[in-house]
């Protein structure tokens, strides 16, 4: 599933999952994190999001989307 860009800086992001902490992590692709005000990783808790697909759907959802 394709991910929308970072809502803060517009850069491309990538998604990983860590079973160690049951978290879905979003990172800027490449070396773009220093240019963005968001601290990496941006995490979604596995308690609320159960799969990579759900995490991507949650990331792509925006408050201003109708």
PDB file of N, CA and C in Angstrom:
ATOM      1  N   UNK A   1       0.846  -1.182   0.000  1.00  0.00           N
ATOM      2  CA  UNK A   1       0.000   0.000   0.000  1.00  0.00           C
ATOM      3  C   UNK A   1       0.894   1.249   0.000  1.00  0.00           C
ATOM      4  N   UNK A   2       0.501   2.200  -0.802  1.00  0.00           N
ATOM      5  CA  UNK A   2       1.246   3.441  -0.887  1.00  0.00           C
ATOM      6  C   UNK A   2       0.939   4.323   0.324  1.00  0.00           C
ATOM      7  N   UNK A   3       1.957   5.011   0.818  1.00  0.00           N
ATOM      8  CA  UNK A   3       1.800   5.885   1.980  1.00  0.00           C
ATOM      9  C   UNK A   3       1.767   7.342   1.540  1.00  0.00           C
ATOM     10  N   UNK A   4       0.870   8.112   2.147  1.00  0.00           N
ATOM     11  CA  UNK A   4       0.881   9.557   1.916  1.00  0.00           C
ATOM     12  C   UNK A   4       2.172  10.115   2.495  1.00  0.00           C
ATOM     13  N   UNK A   5       2.627  11.260   1.994  1.00  0.00           N
ATOM     14  CA  UNK A   5       3.852  11.860   2.533  1.00  0.00           C
ATOM     15  C   UNK A   5       3.654  12.356   3.962  1.00  0.00           C
ATOM     16  N   UNK A   6       4.751  12.701   4.593  1.00  0.00           N
ATOM     17  CA  UNK A   6       4.724  13.243   5.946  1.00  0.00           C
ATOM     18  C   UNK A   6       3.815  14.466   5.980  1.00  0.00           C
ATOM     19  N   UNK A   7       2.869  14.515   6.934  1.00  0.00           N
ATOM     20  CA  UNK A   7       1.963  15.669   6.984  1.00  0.00           C
ATOM     21  C   UNK A   7       2.640  16.951   7.453  1.00  0.00           C
ATOM     22  N   UNK A   8       3.851  16.851   7.941  1.00  0.00           N
ATOM     23  CA  UNK A   8       4.545  18.023   8.472  1.00  0.00           C
ATOM     24  C   UNK A   8       5.495  18.661   7.463  1.00  0.00           C
ATOM     25  N   UNK A   9       6.191  17.811   6.677  1.00  0.00           N
ATOM     26  CA  UNK A   9       7.180  18.375   5.746  1.00  0.00           C
ATOM     27  C   UNK A   9       6.942  17.965   4.298  1.00  0.00           C
ATOM     28  N   UNK A  10       6.059  16.984   4.066  1.00  0.00           N
ATOM     29  CA  UNK A  10       5.759  16.550   2.703  1.00  0.00           C
ATOM     30  C   UNK A  10       6.714  15.524   2.128  1.00  0.00           C
ATOM     31  N   UNK A  11       7.685  15.058   2.920  1.00  0.00           N
ATOM     32  CA  UNK A  11       8.649  14.070   2.438  1.00  0.00           C
ATOM     33  C   UNK A  11       8.043  12.668   2.431  1.00  0.00           C
ATOM     34  N   UNK A  12       8.620  11.796   1.612  1.00  0.00           N
ATOM     35  CA  UNK A  12       8.185  10.406   1.561  1.00  0.00           C
ATOM     36  C   UNK A  12       8.547   9.708   2.866  1.00  0.00           C
ATOM     37  N   UNK A  13       7.707   8.733   3.251  1.00  0.00           N
ATOM     38  CA  UNK A  13       7.944   7.968   4.469  1.00  0.00           C
ATOM     39  C   UNK A  13       7.938   6.480   4.163  1.00  0.00           C
ATOM     40  N   UNK A  14       8.467   5.709   5.093  1.00  0.00           N
ATOM     41  CA  UNK A  14       8.459   4.257   5.019  1.00  0.00           C
ATOM     42  C   UNK A  14       7.918   3.706   6.337  1.00  0.00           C
ATOM     43  N   UNK A  15       7.416   2.481   6.306  1.00  0.00           N
ATOM     44  CA  UNK A  15       6.765   1.865   7.451  1.00  0.00           C
ATOM     45  C   UNK A  15       7.467   0.569   7.824  1.00  0.00           C
ATOM     46  N   UNK A  16       7.719   0.386   9.119  1.00  0.00           N
ATOM     47  CA  UNK A  16       8.277  -0.872   9.627  1.00  0.00           C
ATOM     48  C   UNK A  16       7.452  -1.310  10.835  1.00  0.00           C
ATOM     49  N   UNK A  17       7.628  -2.578  11.216  1.00  0.00           N
ATOM     50  CA  UNK A  17       6.976  -3.103  12.420  1.00  0.00           C
ATOM     51  C   UNK A  17       8.034  -3.731  13.307  1.00  0.00           C
ATOM     52  N   UNK A  18       7.900  -3.529  14.612  1.00  0.00           N
ATOM     53  CA  UNK A  18       8.800  -4.139  15.588  1.00  0.00           C
ATOM     54  C   UNK A  18       7.978  -4.989  16.551  1.00  0.00           C
ATOM     55  N   UNK A  19       8.203  -6.305  16.532  1.00  0.00           N
ATOM     56  CA  UNK A  19       7.493  -7.187  17.460  1.00  0.00           C
ATOM     57  C   UNK A  19       8.026  -7.007  18.877  1.00  0.00           C
ATOM     58  N   UNK A  20       9.238  -6.500  19.001  1.00  0.00           N
ATOM     59  CA  UNK A  20       9.849  -6.274  20.321  1.00  0.00           C
ATOM     60  C   UNK A  20       8.995  -5.327  21.162  1.00  0.00           C
ATOM     61  N   UNK A  21       8.522  -4.242  20.554  1.00  0.00           N
ATOM     62  CA  UNK A  21       7.710  -3.272  21.294  1.00  0.00           C
ATOM     63  C   UNK A  21       6.282  -3.172  20.766  1.00  0.00           C
ATOM     64  N   UNK A  22       5.922  -4.061  19.807  1.00  0.00           N
ATOM     65  CA  UNK A  22       4.585  -4.095  19.216  1.00  0.00           C
ATOM     66  C   UNK A  22       4.176  -2.707  18.719  1.00  0.00           C
ATOM     67  N   UNK A  23       5.065  -2.127  17.914  1.00  0.00           N
ATOM     68  CA  UNK A  23       4.832  -0.780  17.391  1.00  0.00           C
ATOM     69  C   UNK A  23       5.094  -0.765  15.881  1.00  0.00           C
ATOM     70  N   UNK A  24       4.306   0.045  15.201  1.00  0.00           N
ATOM     71  CA  UNK A  24       4.509   0.329  13.791  1.00  0.00           C
ATOM     72  C   UNK A  24       5.229   1.669  13.730  1.00  0.00           C
ATOM     73  N   UNK A  25       6.366   1.700  13.046  1.00  0.00           N
ATOM     74  CA  UNK A  25       7.222   2.888  13.015  1.00  0.00           C
ATOM     75  C   UNK A  25       7.229   3.502  11.617  1.00  0.00           C
ATOM     76  N   UNK A  26       7.037   4.804  11.569  1.00  0.00           N
ATOM     77  CA  UNK A  26       7.117   5.559  10.322  1.00  0.00           C
ATOM     78  C   UNK A  26       8.385   6.404  10.355  1.00  0.00           C
ATOM     79  N   UNK A  27       9.174   6.286   9.289  1.00  0.00           N
ATOM     80  CA  UNK A  27      10.432   7.023   9.159  1.00  0.00           C
ATOM     81  C   UNK A  27      10.428   7.774   7.833  1.00  0.00           C
ATOM     82  N   UNK A  28      11.120   8.891   7.789  1.00  0.00           N
ATOM     83  CA  UNK A  28      11.343   9.580   6.528  1.00  0.00           C
ATOM     84  C   UNK A  28      12.304   8.734   5.702  1.00  0.00           C
ATOM     85  N   UNK A  29      12.079   8.692   4.396  1.00  0.00           N
ATOM     86  CA  UNK A  29      12.989   7.968   3.515  1.00  0.00           C
ATOM     87  C   UNK A  29      14.268   8.776   3.361  1.00  0.00           C
ATOM     88  N   UNK A  30      15.377   8.102   3.327  1.00  0.00           N
ATOM     89  CA  UNK A  30      16.661   8.765   3.146  1.00  0.00           C
ATOM     90  C   UNK A  30      17.055   9.599   4.353  1.00  0.00           C
ATOM     91  N   UNK A  31      17.717  10.699   4.103  1.00  0.00           N
ATOM     92  CA  UNK A  31      18.214  11.575   5.168  1.00  0.00           C
ATOM     93  C   UNK A  31      17.329  12.804   5.351  1.00  0.00           C
ATOM     94  N   UNK A  32      16.023  12.653   5.244  1.00  0.00           N
ATOM     95  CA  UNK A  32      15.131  13.803   5.284  1.00  0.00           C
ATOM     96  C   UNK A  32      14.667  14.174   6.684  1.00  0.00           C
ATOM     97  N   UNK A  33      14.866  13.312   7.666  1.00  0.00           N
ATOM     98  CA  UNK A  33      14.378  13.576   9.017  1.00  0.00           C
ATOM     99  C   UNK A  33      14.898  14.888   9.599  1.00  0.00           C
ATOM    100  N   UNK A  34      16.178  15.238   9.424  1.00  0.00           N
ATOM    101  CA  UNK A  34      16.658  16.497  10.010  1.00  0.00           C
ATOM    102  C   UNK A  34      15.955  17.733   9.468  1.00  0.00           C
ATOM    103  N   UNK A  35      15.329  17.634   8.289  1.00  0.00           N
ATOM    104  CA  UNK A  35      14.651  18.777   7.691  1.00  0.00           C
ATOM    105  C   UNK A  35      13.214  18.918   8.196  1.00  0.00           C
ATOM    106  N   UNK A  36      12.740  17.939   8.969  1.00  0.00           N
ATOM    107  CA  UNK A  36      11.357  17.926   9.431  1.00  0.00           C
ATOM    108  C   UNK A  36      11.310  18.159  10.941  1.00  0.00           C
ATOM    109  N   UNK A  37      10.262  18.815  11.400  1.00  0.00           N
ATOM    110  CA  UNK A  37      10.110  19.064  12.826  1.00  0.00           C
ATOM    111  C   UNK A  37       9.600  17.868  13.619  1.00  0.00           C
ATOM    112  N   UNK A  38       9.124  16.822  12.938  1.00  0.00           N
ATOM    113  CA  UNK A  38       8.617  15.637  13.634  1.00  0.00           C
ATOM    114  C   UNK A  38       9.776  14.746  14.062  1.00  0.00           C
ATOM    115  N   UNK A  39       9.710  14.268  15.286  1.00  0.00           N
ATOM    116  CA  UNK A  39      10.751  13.390  15.812  1.00  0.00           C
ATOM    117  C   UNK A  39      10.491  11.964  15.333  1.00  0.00           C
ATOM    118  N   UNK A  40      11.510  11.296  14.846  1.00  0.00           N
ATOM    119  CA  UNK A  40      11.390   9.919  14.381  1.00  0.00           C
ATOM    120  C   UNK A  40      11.727   8.936  15.478  1.00  0.00           C
ATOM    121  N   UNK A  41      11.146   7.755  15.416  1.00  0.00           N
ATOM    122  CA  UNK A  41      10.058   7.400  14.521  1.00  0.00           C
ATOM    123  C   UNK A  41       8.735   7.956  15.017  1.00  0.00           C
ATOM    124  N   UNK A  42       7.793   8.088  14.104  1.00  0.00           N
ATOM    125  CA  UNK A  42       6.414   8.381  14.468  1.00  0.00           C
ATOM    126  C   UNK A  42       5.764   7.012  14.648  1.00  0.00           C
ATOM    127  N   UNK A  43       5.252   6.726  15.834  1.00  0.00           N
ATOM    128  CA  UNK A  43       4.809   5.378  16.183  1.00  0.00           C
ATOM    129  C   UNK A  43       3.291   5.252  16.273  1.00  0.00           C
ATOM    130  N   UNK A  44       2.803   4.101  15.824  1.00  0.00           N
ATOM    131  CA  UNK A  44       1.419   3.693  16.043  1.00  0.00           C
ATOM    132  C   UNK A  44       1.470   2.430  16.876  1.00  0.00           C
ATOM    133  N   UNK A  45       0.749   2.398  17.963  1.00  0.00           N
ATOM    134  CA  UNK A  45       0.746   1.282  18.896  1.00  0.00           C
ATOM    135  C   UNK A  45       0.025   0.075  18.307  1.00  0.00           C
ATOM    136  N   UNK A  46       0.659  -1.102  18.399  1.00  0.00           N
ATOM    137  CA  UNK A  46       0.078  -2.344  17.911  1.00  0.00           C
ATOM    138  C   UNK A  46      -1.171  -2.761  18.656  1.00  0.00           C
ATOM    139  N   UNK A  47      -1.449  -2.143  19.777  1.00  0.00           N
ATOM    140  CA  UNK A  47      -2.682  -2.416  20.505  1.00  0.00           C
ATOM    141  C   UNK A  47      -3.889  -1.890  19.713  1.00  0.00           C
ATOM    142  N   UNK A  48      -3.694  -0.781  19.007  1.00  0.00           N
ATOM    143  CA  UNK A  48      -4.772  -0.147  18.248  1.00  0.00           C
ATOM    144  C   UNK A  48      -4.748  -0.517  16.767  1.00  0.00           C
ATOM    145  N   UNK A  49      -3.578  -0.766  16.221  1.00  0.00           N
ATOM    146  CA  UNK A  49      -3.399  -1.094  14.811  1.00  0.00           C
ATOM    147  C   UNK A  49      -2.826  -2.507  14.756  1.00  0.00           C
ATOM    148  N   UNK A  50      -3.484  -3.418  14.036  1.00  0.00           N
ATOM    149  CA  UNK A  50      -3.144  -4.841  14.121  1.00  0.00           C
ATOM    150  C   UNK A  50      -2.309  -5.390  12.970  1.00  0.00           C
ATOM    151  N   UNK A  51      -2.094  -4.618  11.919  1.00  0.00           N
ATOM    152  CA  UNK A  51      -1.328  -5.123  10.773  1.00  0.00           C
ATOM    153  C   UNK A  51      -0.668  -3.960  10.039  1.00  0.00           C
ATOM    154  N   UNK A  52       0.256  -4.298   9.144  1.00  0.00           N
ATOM    155  CA  UNK A  52       0.897  -3.262   8.328  1.00  0.00           C
ATOM    156  C   UNK A  52      -0.149  -2.546   7.475  1.00  0.00           C
ATOM    157  N   UNK A  53      -1.126  -3.294   6.961  1.00  0.00           N
ATOM    158  CA  UNK A  53      -2.177  -2.677   6.157  1.00  0.00           C
ATOM    159  C   UNK A  53      -2.975  -1.675   6.991  1.00  0.00           C
ATOM    160  N   UNK A  54      -3.370  -2.059   8.207  1.00  0.00           N
ATOM    161  CA  UNK A  54      -4.109  -1.137   9.082  1.00  0.00           C
ATOM    162  C   UNK A  54      -3.269   0.078   9.442  1.00  0.00           C
ATOM    163  N   UNK A  55      -1.979  -0.132   9.674  1.00  0.00           N
ATOM    164  CA  UNK A  55      -1.095   0.992  10.006  1.00  0.00           C
ATOM    165  C   UNK A  55      -1.009   1.963   8.835  1.00  0.00           C
ATOM    166  N   UNK A  56      -0.881   1.429   7.619  1.00  0.00           N
ATOM    167  CA  UNK A  56      -0.814   2.289   6.432  1.00  0.00           C
ATOM    168  C   UNK A  56      -2.131   3.043   6.241  1.00  0.00           C
ATOM    169  N   UNK A  57      -3.255   2.353   6.453  1.00  0.00           N
ATOM    170  CA  UNK A  57      -4.553   3.020   6.329  1.00  0.00           C
ATOM    171  C   UNK A  57      -4.703   4.128   7.372  1.00  0.00           C
ATOM    172  N   UNK A  58      -4.250   3.867   8.586  1.00  0.00           N
ATOM    173  CA  UNK A  58      -4.315   4.879   9.647  1.00  0.00           C
ATOM    174  C   UNK A  58      -3.422   6.066   9.300  1.00  0.00           C
ATOM    175  N   UNK A  59      -2.228   5.804   8.783  1.00  0.00           N
ATOM    176  CA  UNK A  59      -1.312   6.875   8.393  1.00  0.00           C
ATOM    177  C   UNK A  59      -1.924   7.734   7.298  1.00  0.00           C
ATOM    178  N   UNK A  60      -2.557   7.085   6.327  1.00  0.00           N
ATOM    179  CA  UNK A  60      -3.110   7.789   5.173  1.00  0.00           C
ATOM    180  C   UNK A  60      -4.376   8.568   5.500  1.00  0.00           C
ATOM    181  N   UNK A  61      -4.995   8.256   6.635  1.00  0.00           N
ATOM    182  CA  UNK A  61      -6.197   8.982   7.035  1.00  0.00           C
ATOM    183  C   UNK A  61      -5.769  10.352   7.568  1.00  0.00           C
ATOM    184  N   UNK A  62      -6.411  11.390   7.110  1.00  0.00           N
ATOM    185  CA  UNK A  62      -6.106  12.741   7.562  1.00  0.00           C
ATOM    186  C   UNK A  62      -7.379  13.369   8.092  1.00  0.00           C
ATOM    187  N   UNK A  63      -7.253  14.198   9.094  1.00  0.00           N
ATOM    188  CA  UNK A  63      -8.421  14.832   9.727  1.00  0.00           C
ATOM    189  C   UNK A  63      -9.230  15.649   8.719  1.00  0.00           C
ATOM    190  N   UNK A  64      -8.574  16.220   7.729  1.00  0.00           N
ATOM    191  CA  UNK A  64      -9.294  17.056   6.768  1.00  0.00           C
ATOM    192  C   UNK A  64      -9.816  16.260   5.581  1.00  0.00           C
ATOM    193  N   UNK A  65      -9.540  14.938   5.521  1.00  0.00           N
ATOM    194  CA  UNK A  65     -10.097  14.104   4.456  1.00  0.00           C
ATOM    195  C   UNK A  65     -11.590  13.919   4.669  1.00  0.00           C
ATOM    196  N   UNK A  66     -12.322  13.935   3.592  1.00  0.00           N
ATOM    197  CA  UNK A  66     -13.774  13.729   3.690  1.00  0.00           C
ATOM    198  C   UNK A  66     -14.129  12.427   3.034  1.00  0.00           C
TER     199      UNK A  66
END
